[in-house]
Amino acid sequence: MARHRKQPVPTAPSAPPRPARARSRLAAGLAGASAVAATLLVLTVNPAAPPAPDRMPDGGAAEHP
């Protein structure tokens, strides 16, 4: 008669932490927060000086004859 080993007690599988996934989620969250902060900053801050009279307000160069 063969002897059998005692079967191990089943335990809940513990998944090892995935630092790469956490790192990518953190990077995505920080990029999103940075974009929101930049947008709010642009919308709330007034320019330091008015545009020069010889420049167009959209940033393009004015055509002179």
N, C-alpha and C. Protein backbone atom coordinates (compact mmCIF):
# COMPACT_ATOMS: atom_id res chain seq x y z
N MET A 1 0.83 -1.17 0.00
CA MET A 1 0.00 0.00 0.00
C MET A 1 0.89 1.24 0.00
N ALA A 2 0.59 2.14 -0.91
CA ALA A 2 1.41 3.34 -1.03
C ALA A 2 0.94 4.40 -0.06
N ARG A 3 1.90 5.10 0.46
CA ARG A 3 1.56 6.20 1.36
C ARG A 3 1.41 7.47 0.54
N HIS A 4 0.48 8.28 0.92
CA HIS A 4 0.23 9.54 0.24
C HIS A 4 0.58 10.69 1.16
N ARG A 5 1.07 11.72 0.54
CA ARG A 5 1.37 12.91 1.33
C ARG A 5 0.09 13.63 1.68
N LYS A 6 0.14 14.34 2.77
CA LYS A 6 -1.00 15.15 3.16
C LYS A 6 -1.11 16.32 2.19
N GLN A 7 -2.29 16.54 1.68
CA GLN A 7 -2.47 17.62 0.73
C GLN A 7 -2.40 18.96 1.44
N PRO A 8 -1.77 19.94 0.79
CA PRO A 8 -1.66 21.26 1.43
C PRO A 8 -3.03 21.93 1.52
N VAL A 9 -3.15 22.77 2.52
CA VAL A 9 -4.39 23.51 2.72
C VAL A 9 -4.47 24.59 1.64
N PRO A 10 -5.56 24.63 0.89
CA PRO A 10 -5.65 25.67 -0.15
C PRO A 10 -5.74 27.06 0.48
N THR A 11 -4.98 27.96 -0.06
CA THR A 11 -5.00 29.35 0.41
C THR A 11 -5.45 30.24 -0.73
N ALA A 12 -5.88 31.40 -0.38
CA ALA A 12 -6.32 32.36 -1.40
C ALA A 12 -5.09 32.80 -2.20
N PRO A 13 -5.20 32.78 -3.50
CA PRO A 13 -4.04 33.20 -4.30
C PRO A 13 -3.79 34.69 -4.13
N SER A 14 -2.61 35.02 -3.74
CA SER A 14 -2.27 36.44 -3.56
C SER A 14 -1.46 36.86 -4.77
N ALA A 15 -2.02 37.77 -5.52
CA ALA A 15 -1.33 38.25 -6.71
C ALA A 15 -0.21 39.18 -6.30
N PRO A 16 0.96 38.97 -6.87
CA PRO A 16 2.05 39.89 -6.53
C PRO A 16 1.75 41.27 -7.08
N PRO A 17 2.20 42.29 -6.42
CA PRO A 17 1.93 43.65 -6.90
C PRO A 17 2.57 43.86 -8.26
N ARG A 18 1.91 44.62 -9.08
CA ARG A 18 2.42 44.89 -10.42
C ARG A 18 2.91 46.33 -10.47
N PRO A 19 4.18 46.54 -10.19
CA PRO A 19 4.68 47.92 -10.15
C PRO A 19 4.63 48.62 -11.50
N ALA A 20 4.76 47.86 -12.59
CA ALA A 20 4.74 48.51 -13.91
C ALA A 20 3.35 49.08 -14.19
N ARG A 21 2.32 48.33 -13.85
CA ARG A 21 0.96 48.81 -14.08
C ARG A 21 0.66 50.01 -13.17
N ALA A 22 1.07 49.92 -11.93
CA ALA A 22 0.84 51.03 -11.00
C ALA A 22 1.60 52.27 -11.46
N ARG A 23 2.81 52.06 -11.96
CA ARG A 23 3.61 53.18 -12.43
C ARG A 23 2.95 53.85 -13.64
N SER A 24 2.41 53.05 -14.55
CA SER A 24 1.78 53.64 -15.73
C SER A 24 0.48 54.35 -15.36
N ARG A 25 -0.26 53.81 -14.40
CA ARG A 25 -1.48 54.49 -13.96
C ARG A 25 -1.14 55.81 -13.26
N LEU A 26 -0.07 55.80 -12.48
CA LEU A 26 0.36 57.03 -11.81
C LEU A 26 0.79 58.07 -12.84
N ALA A 27 1.54 57.64 -13.85
CA ALA A 27 1.99 58.57 -14.89
C ALA A 27 0.80 59.15 -15.65
N ALA A 28 -0.19 58.32 -15.95
CA ALA A 28 -1.37 58.81 -16.66
C ALA A 28 -2.15 59.79 -15.80
N GLY A 29 -2.28 59.50 -14.52
CA GLY A 29 -2.98 60.41 -13.62
C GLY A 29 -2.27 61.74 -13.47
N LEU A 30 -0.95 61.70 -13.37
CA LEU A 30 -0.20 62.94 -13.25
C LEU A 30 -0.25 63.75 -14.54
N ALA A 31 -0.23 63.08 -15.68
CA ALA A 31 -0.33 63.80 -16.96
C ALA A 31 -1.70 64.46 -17.09
N GLY A 32 -2.74 63.77 -16.69
CA GLY A 32 -4.08 64.36 -16.74
C GLY A 32 -4.22 65.54 -15.80
N ALA A 33 -3.69 65.40 -14.60
CA ALA A 33 -3.76 66.50 -13.64
C ALA A 33 -2.96 67.70 -14.14
N SER A 34 -1.83 67.44 -14.77
CA SER A 34 -1.02 68.52 -15.31
C SER A 34 -1.75 69.24 -16.43
N ALA A 35 -2.44 68.51 -17.28
CA ALA A 35 -3.19 69.13 -18.37
C ALA A 35 -4.32 69.99 -17.84
N VAL A 36 -5.01 69.50 -16.83
CA VAL A 36 -6.10 70.28 -16.23
C VAL A 36 -5.55 71.54 -15.57
N ALA A 37 -4.45 71.40 -14.85
CA ALA A 37 -3.85 72.56 -14.18
C ALA A 37 -3.38 73.59 -15.20
N ALA A 38 -2.78 73.16 -16.28
CA ALA A 38 -2.32 74.09 -17.31
C ALA A 38 -3.49 74.81 -17.96
N THR A 39 -4.57 74.09 -18.21
CA THR A 39 -5.75 74.70 -18.80
C THR A 39 -6.34 75.76 -17.88
N LEU A 40 -6.47 75.43 -16.61
CA LEU A 40 -7.00 76.40 -15.65
C LEU A 40 -6.09 77.61 -15.52
N LEU A 41 -4.80 77.38 -15.55
CA LEU A 41 -3.85 78.49 -15.44
C LEU A 41 -3.97 79.42 -16.64
N VAL A 42 -4.09 78.86 -17.83
CA VAL A 42 -4.22 79.68 -19.04
C VAL A 42 -5.52 80.47 -19.01
N LEU A 43 -6.58 79.88 -18.51
CA LEU A 43 -7.87 80.56 -18.48
C LEU A 43 -7.95 81.65 -17.43
N THR A 44 -7.16 81.56 -16.37
CA THR A 44 -7.30 82.51 -15.27
C THR A 44 -6.25 83.61 -15.26
N VAL A 45 -5.11 83.39 -15.88
CA VAL A 45 -4.04 84.39 -15.82
C VAL A 45 -4.15 85.34 -17.00
N ASN A 46 -4.11 86.63 -16.71
CA ASN A 46 -4.13 87.65 -17.75
C ASN A 46 -2.72 87.87 -18.27
N PRO A 47 -2.58 88.24 -19.54
CA PRO A 47 -1.23 88.51 -20.05
C PRO A 47 -0.63 89.72 -19.34
N ALA A 48 0.68 89.76 -19.26
CA ALA A 48 1.37 90.84 -18.56
C ALA A 48 1.26 92.16 -19.31
N ALA A 49 1.22 92.12 -20.61
CA ALA A 49 1.15 93.36 -21.40
C ALA A 49 0.24 93.14 -22.60
N PRO A 50 -0.37 94.21 -23.10
CA PRO A 50 -1.20 94.06 -24.30
C PRO A 50 -0.33 93.75 -25.51
N PRO A 51 -0.91 93.19 -26.55
CA PRO A 51 -0.11 92.91 -27.74
C PRO A 51 0.41 94.20 -28.38
N ALA A 52 1.55 94.12 -28.99
CA ALA A 52 2.14 95.29 -29.64
C ALA A 52 1.26 95.72 -30.81
N PRO A 53 1.20 97.02 -31.09
CA PRO A 53 0.31 97.49 -32.16
C PRO A 53 0.70 96.99 -33.55
N ASP A 54 1.96 96.63 -33.77
CA ASP A 54 2.38 96.17 -35.08
C ASP A 54 2.24 94.65 -35.24
N ARG A 55 1.70 93.96 -34.26
CA ARG A 55 1.52 92.51 -34.32
C ARG A 55 0.04 92.17 -34.33
N MET A 56 -0.30 91.12 -35.01
CA MET A 56 -1.68 90.64 -35.00
C MET A 56 -1.91 89.89 -33.68
N PRO A 57 -3.13 89.98 -33.12
CA PRO A 57 -3.38 89.33 -31.83
C PRO A 57 -3.26 87.81 -31.86
N ASP A 58 -3.42 87.16 -33.02
CA ASP A 58 -3.37 85.70 -33.04
C ASP A 58 -1.93 85.18 -33.10
N GLY A 59 -0.93 86.03 -33.10
CA GLY A 59 0.45 85.59 -33.06
C GLY A 59 1.11 85.53 -34.42
N GLY A 60 0.35 85.74 -35.50
CA GLY A 60 0.92 85.72 -36.84
C GLY A 60 1.59 87.05 -37.16
N ALA A 61 2.44 87.03 -38.11
CA ALA A 61 3.13 88.26 -38.52
C ALA A 61 2.20 89.08 -39.43
N ALA A 62 2.17 90.37 -39.20
CA ALA A 62 1.35 91.26 -40.02
C ALA A 62 2.05 91.49 -41.36
N GLU A 63 1.25 91.56 -42.40
CA GLU A 63 1.83 91.81 -43.72
C GLU A 63 1.95 93.31 -43.93
N HIS A 64 3.15 93.75 -44.29
CA HIS A 64 3.38 95.16 -44.57
C HIS A 64 3.66 95.31 -46.05
N PRO A 65 3.05 96.33 -46.72
CA PRO A 65 3.29 96.52 -48.15
C PRO A 65 4.67 97.00 -48.47
